[in-house]
Amino acid sequence: MNNKLVLFKALSDETRLKIIEFLLGGEKCVCEIVPHTKRKQSTISIQLSKMESWGILKTRREGKNIHYRIANDKIIKLLSVI
């Protein structure tokens, strides 16, 4: 699938958009993302997994915690424009 199409598909979902906007502030643990979005952890985990598989997010494991960050500076630049 086209990279631009994947990004816009991710941004079209309210939960994914909230996650991405939150991650503009830098890398966050799932335990920080869940309260920010006011969604169930299972919902957030599903959305994070999708965005990671699409190449939008990258992960880093620290002990039991998984930290997420935006994978590409172009995504950050695009979001700062809109």
C-alpha atoms as a PDB file:
ATOM      1  CA  MET A   1       0.000   0.000   0.000  1.00  0.00           C
ATOM      2  CA  ASN A   2       1.183   3.551  -0.725  1.00  0.00           C
ATOM      3  CA  ASN A   3       2.966   5.172   2.258  1.00  0.00           C
ATOM      4  CA  LYS A   4       0.894   8.352   1.961  1.00  0.00           C
ATOM      5  CA  LEU A   5      -2.317   6.367   1.846  1.00  0.00           C
ATOM      6  CA  VAL A   6      -1.302   4.411   4.958  1.00  0.00           C
ATOM      7  CA  LEU A   7      -0.536   7.617   6.843  1.00  0.00           C
ATOM      8  CA  PHE A   8      -3.848   9.226   5.925  1.00  0.00           C
ATOM      9  CA  LYS A   9      -5.670   6.022   6.815  1.00  0.00           C
ATOM     10  CA  ALA A  10      -4.013   6.154  10.248  1.00  0.00           C
ATOM     11  CA  LEU A  11      -4.966   9.800  10.690  1.00  0.00           C
ATOM     12  CA  SER A  12      -8.586   9.127   9.713  1.00  0.00           C
ATOM     13  CA  ASP A  13      -9.245   7.226  12.951  1.00  0.00           C
ATOM     14  CA  GLU A  14      -9.856   9.395  16.035  1.00  0.00           C
ATOM     15  CA  THR A  15      -8.002   7.086  18.438  1.00  0.00           C
ATOM     16  CA  ARG A  16      -4.975   6.744  16.172  1.00  0.00           C
ATOM     17  CA  LEU A  17      -4.901  10.494  15.592  1.00  0.00           C
ATOM     18  CA  LYS A  18      -4.936  11.129  19.358  1.00  0.00           C
ATOM     19  CA  ILE A  19      -2.071   8.687  19.801  1.00  0.00           C
ATOM     20  CA  ILE A  20       0.008  10.254  17.033  1.00  0.00           C
ATOM     21  CA  GLU A  21      -0.635  13.788  18.308  1.00  0.00           C
ATOM     22  CA  PHE A  22       0.410  12.699  21.804  1.00  0.00           C
ATOM     23  CA  LEU A  23       3.584  11.142  20.439  1.00  0.00           C
ATOM     24  CA  LEU A  24       4.539  14.451  18.809  1.00  0.00           C
ATOM     25  CA  GLY A  25       5.775  15.334  22.297  1.00  0.00           C
ATOM     26  CA  GLY A  26       8.241  12.445  22.150  1.00  0.00           C
ATOM     27  CA  GLU A  27       8.461   8.781  23.019  1.00  0.00           C
ATOM     28  CA  LYS A  28       5.761   7.488  25.372  1.00  0.00           C
ATOM     29  CA  CYS A  29       5.041   4.257  27.207  1.00  0.00           C
ATOM     30  CA  VAL A  30       1.700   2.509  26.699  1.00  0.00           C
ATOM     31  CA  CYS A  31       0.973   3.300  30.353  1.00  0.00           C
ATOM     32  CA  GLU A  32       1.075   7.023  29.410  1.00  0.00           C
ATOM     33  CA  ILE A  33      -0.874   6.673  26.166  1.00  0.00           C
ATOM     34  CA  VAL A  34      -3.890   4.846  27.619  1.00  0.00           C
ATOM     35  CA  PRO A  35      -4.941   7.578  30.119  1.00  0.00           C
ATOM     36  CA  HIS A  36      -4.345  10.307  27.530  1.00  0.00           C
ATOM     37  CA  THR A  37      -6.705   8.722  25.000  1.00  0.00           C
ATOM     38  CA  LYS A  38      -9.322   7.647  27.583  1.00  0.00           C
ATOM     39  CA  ARG A  39      -9.676   4.310  25.806  1.00  0.00           C
ATOM     40  CA  LYS A  40      -9.251   0.733  27.023  1.00  0.00           C
ATOM     41  CA  GLN A  41      -5.733  -0.664  26.969  1.00  0.00           C
ATOM     42  CA  SER A  42      -6.797  -3.416  24.579  1.00  0.00           C
ATOM     43  CA  THR A  43      -8.083  -0.814  22.095  1.00  0.00           C
ATOM     44  CA  ILE A  44      -4.856   1.180  22.322  1.00  0.00           C
ATOM     45  CA  SER A  45      -2.715  -1.925  21.932  1.00  0.00           C
ATOM     46  CA  ILE A  46      -4.557  -2.896  18.755  1.00  0.00           C
ATOM     47  CA  GLN A  47      -4.140   0.578  17.265  1.00  0.00           C
ATOM     48  CA  LEU A  48      -0.459   0.779  18.238  1.00  0.00           C
ATOM     49  CA  SER A  49       0.176  -2.612  16.681  1.00  0.00           C
ATOM     50  CA  LYS A  50      -1.497  -1.539  13.432  1.00  0.00           C
ATOM     51  CA  MET A  51       0.524   1.656  13.234  1.00  0.00           C
ATOM     52  CA  GLU A  52       3.745  -0.201  13.965  1.00  0.00           C
ATOM     53  CA  SER A  53       3.017  -2.727  11.198  1.00  0.00           C
ATOM     54  CA  TRP A  54       2.302   0.171   8.811  1.00  0.00           C
ATOM     55  CA  GLY A  55       5.697   1.688   9.620  1.00  0.00           C
ATOM     56  CA  ILE A  56       4.256   4.789  11.299  1.00  0.00           C
ATOM     57  CA  LEU A  57       5.556   3.951  14.777  1.00  0.00           C
ATOM     58  CA  LYS A  58       8.693   2.354  16.183  1.00  0.00           C
ATOM     59  CA  THR A  59       9.011   0.590  19.522  1.00  0.00           C
ATOM     60  CA  ARG A  60      11.584   0.161  22.227  1.00  0.00           C
ATOM     61  CA  ARG A  61      11.260  -2.298  25.091  1.00  0.00           C
ATOM     62  CA  GLU A  62      12.421  -1.329  28.571  1.00  0.00           C
ATOM     63  CA  GLY A  63      11.755  -4.146  31.022  1.00  0.00           C
ATOM     64  CA  LYS A  64       8.040  -4.900  30.850  1.00  0.00           C
ATOM     65  CA  ASN A  65       7.205  -1.570  29.223  1.00  0.00           C
ATOM     66  CA  ILE A  66       7.039  -0.863  25.516  1.00  0.00           C
ATOM     67  CA  HIS A  67       7.740   2.685  24.425  1.00  0.00           C
ATOM     68  CA  TYR A  68       6.398   4.075  21.153  1.00  0.00           C
ATOM     69  CA  ARG A  69       7.653   6.908  18.982  1.00  0.00           C
ATOM     70  CA  ILE A  70       6.867   8.276  15.547  1.00  0.00           C
ATOM     71  CA  ALA A  71       9.025   6.423  13.039  1.00  0.00           C
ATOM     72  CA  ASN A  72       9.629   9.166  10.517  1.00  0.00           C
ATOM     73  CA  ASP A  73      10.400  12.892  10.829  1.00  0.00           C
ATOM     74  CA  LYS A  74       8.304  13.511   7.707  1.00  0.00           C
ATOM     75  CA  ILE A  75       5.201  12.511   9.678  1.00  0.00           C
ATOM     76  CA  ILE A  76       6.097  15.040  12.381  1.00  0.00           C
ATOM     77  CA  LYS A  77       6.609  17.767   9.761  1.00  0.00           C
ATOM     78  CA  LEU A  78       3.305  16.953   8.059  1.00  0.00           C
ATOM     79  CA  LEU A  79       1.384  17.114  11.325  1.00  0.00           C
ATOM     80  CA  SER A  80       2.994  20.398  12.295  1.00  0.00           C
ATOM     81  CA  VAL A  81       1.705  21.888   9.032  1.00  0.00           C
ATOM     82  CA  ILE A  82      -1.865  20.695   9.499  1.00  0.00           C
END
